[in-house]
Every structure is written in structure tokens, then in C-alpha cells.
């Protein structure tokens, strides 16, 4: 088992978990409910951590994490259905679950 991602935001950790699991890689979240222990333990020790079960999946999982974090050529987008702004890493609108519309050049 290997850790592939950690962040203070459980939302971001769960989003990354969903991206990795969509590729058929089994994951689990460690410290999912530890943020209440902040002050008793180090802040970083209470962050949720995303782990994979199979070490052979590590390169692909890290690639997915990297792609989800890379915003160099990406920008936030506005949903055509409900007009909500969505982060570039989202392919579905967080509000209405409509698919991201591809731009036509």
C-alpha cells in the first residue's frame, strides 16, 4: 500500500479518489475523520490521505494525481445548463452534474 495524495481538504481528497477509482484502481482514505484531533496531533498528521492497495498501480495513480493538479493549460469553466462556475479538473458540473461542454475551435 502506498499513499498517493494528501490535502487538508477532504473534498479534494475525495475528488482525487474518484478520479483514480474511475481508472479501476482500488483506493482508501486514511485519517478521513481525524481533523477533529487537530491541536492534539500535528496538523499535517490529521490531513486525510489517499492510499492505493496495489503498489503496481502507483505510477498510474501518481500520473492521475499530477494531471488533476496541473492547471497550466486549463481554466475554470461555466456550466451551460445552470451557469455555475466549476474548477478545471471537473468534467461534470458540481451543481447539476451536467457534462462539461467541449469548446469548438
Protein backbone atom coordinates (compact mmCIF):
# COMPACT_ATOMS: atom_id res chain seq x y z
CA UNK A 1 0.00 0.00 0.00
CA UNK A 2 1.23 3.47 -0.89
CA UNK A 3 -0.01 6.98 -0.19
CA UNK A 4 -0.56 8.97 -3.37
CA UNK A 5 -2.17 12.22 -2.19
CA UNK A 6 -2.91 14.25 0.92
CA UNK A 7 -4.59 17.60 1.40
CA UNK A 8 -6.25 19.49 4.23
CA UNK A 9 -9.47 19.48 2.18
CA UNK A 10 -11.38 16.21 2.39
CA UNK A 11 -13.35 17.40 -0.66
CA UNK A 12 -10.18 17.48 -2.79
CA UNK A 13 -9.00 14.12 -1.43
CA UNK A 14 -12.38 12.54 -2.23
CA UNK A 15 -12.40 14.11 -5.71
CA UNK A 16 -8.94 12.68 -6.39
CA UNK A 17 -10.12 9.30 -5.03
CA UNK A 18 -12.99 9.34 -7.53
CA UNK A 19 -10.65 10.16 -10.42
CA UNK A 20 -8.30 7.31 -9.54
CA UNK A 21 -11.08 4.80 -8.93
CA UNK A 22 -12.63 5.72 -12.30
CA UNK A 23 -9.46 4.19 -13.80
CA UNK A 24 -10.04 0.91 -11.97
CA UNK A 25 -7.52 1.46 -9.16
CA UNK A 26 -8.68 0.46 -5.67
CA UNK A 27 -8.12 3.15 -3.02
CA UNK A 28 -8.94 4.03 0.56
CA UNK A 29 -8.75 7.19 2.64
CA UNK A 30 -6.74 7.18 5.86
CA UNK A 31 -7.36 9.85 8.53
CA UNK A 32 -10.73 10.63 6.95
CA UNK A 33 -12.21 11.73 10.29
CA UNK A 34 -9.03 12.89 12.06
CA UNK A 35 -9.39 16.62 11.57
CA UNK A 36 -11.17 16.86 14.89
CA UNK A 37 -7.90 15.84 16.53
CA UNK A 38 -6.06 18.97 15.35
CA UNK A 39 -4.35 20.52 18.32
CA UNK A 40 -3.80 17.13 19.92
CA UNK A 41 -1.73 15.90 16.95
CA UNK A 42 0.24 17.70 14.26
CA UNK A 43 -1.94 19.47 11.69
CA UNK A 44 -0.31 17.50 8.87
CA UNK A 45 -0.88 14.21 10.72
CA UNK A 46 -4.61 14.89 10.73
CA UNK A 47 -4.95 15.57 6.98
CA UNK A 48 -6.86 12.93 5.01
CA UNK A 49 -4.55 10.72 2.95
CA UNK A 50 -5.41 8.81 -0.22
CA UNK A 51 -3.78 5.39 -0.43
CA UNK A 52 -3.80 2.69 -3.11
CA UNK A 53 -3.92 -1.03 -2.31
CA UNK A 54 -1.71 -2.36 -5.12
CA UNK A 55 1.83 -0.97 -5.40
CA UNK A 56 1.83 -1.84 -9.10
CA UNK A 57 -0.83 0.86 -9.62
CA UNK A 58 1.45 3.55 -8.15
CA UNK A 59 2.80 5.05 -11.41
CA UNK A 60 -0.68 5.40 -12.95
CA UNK A 61 -2.19 6.74 -9.71
CA UNK A 62 0.55 9.37 -9.40
CA UNK A 63 0.01 10.33 -13.04
CA UNK A 64 -3.70 10.85 -12.38
CA UNK A 65 -2.91 12.96 -9.30
CA UNK A 66 -0.44 15.03 -11.31
CA UNK A 67 -2.90 15.60 -14.14
CA UNK A 68 -5.63 16.60 -11.72
CA UNK A 69 -3.33 19.13 -10.05
CA UNK A 70 -1.87 20.54 -13.26
CA UNK A 71 -3.75 23.66 -14.27
CA UNK A 72 -1.22 25.04 -16.76
CA UNK A 73 -3.45 24.81 -19.84
CA UNK A 74 -6.73 24.54 -18.01
CA UNK A 75 -9.14 27.12 -16.77
CA UNK A 76 -12.32 27.08 -14.77
CA UNK A 77 -15.48 26.65 -16.81
CA UNK A 78 -19.09 27.73 -16.56
CA UNK A 79 -21.85 25.14 -16.87
CA UNK A 80 -24.07 25.67 -19.91
CA UNK A 81 -27.09 24.28 -18.00
CA UNK A 82 -27.03 26.12 -14.67
CA UNK A 83 -24.32 28.80 -15.10
CA UNK A 84 -22.29 27.61 -12.11
CA UNK A 85 -18.50 28.05 -12.20
CA UNK A 86 -16.57 24.77 -11.95
CA UNK A 87 -12.87 24.00 -11.38
CA UNK A 88 -10.94 22.95 -14.48
CA UNK A 89 -10.40 19.43 -13.12
CA UNK A 90 -14.16 18.75 -13.05
CA UNK A 91 -15.72 17.08 -16.09
CA UNK A 92 -19.19 17.30 -14.53
CA UNK A 93 -20.82 20.36 -13.02
CA UNK A 94 -20.68 20.17 -9.22
CA UNK A 95 -24.15 21.71 -9.02
CA UNK A 96 -26.28 19.94 -11.66
CA UNK A 97 -23.96 17.12 -12.83
CA UNK A 98 -24.15 18.20 -16.49
CA UNK A 99 -21.15 17.29 -18.59
CA UNK A 100 -18.54 19.90 -19.43
CA UNK A 101 -19.15 21.24 -22.92
CA UNK A 102 -16.18 20.90 -25.24
CA UNK A 103 -15.03 24.10 -26.90
CA UNK A 104 -15.10 24.03 -30.68
CA UNK A 105 -12.12 25.75 -32.33
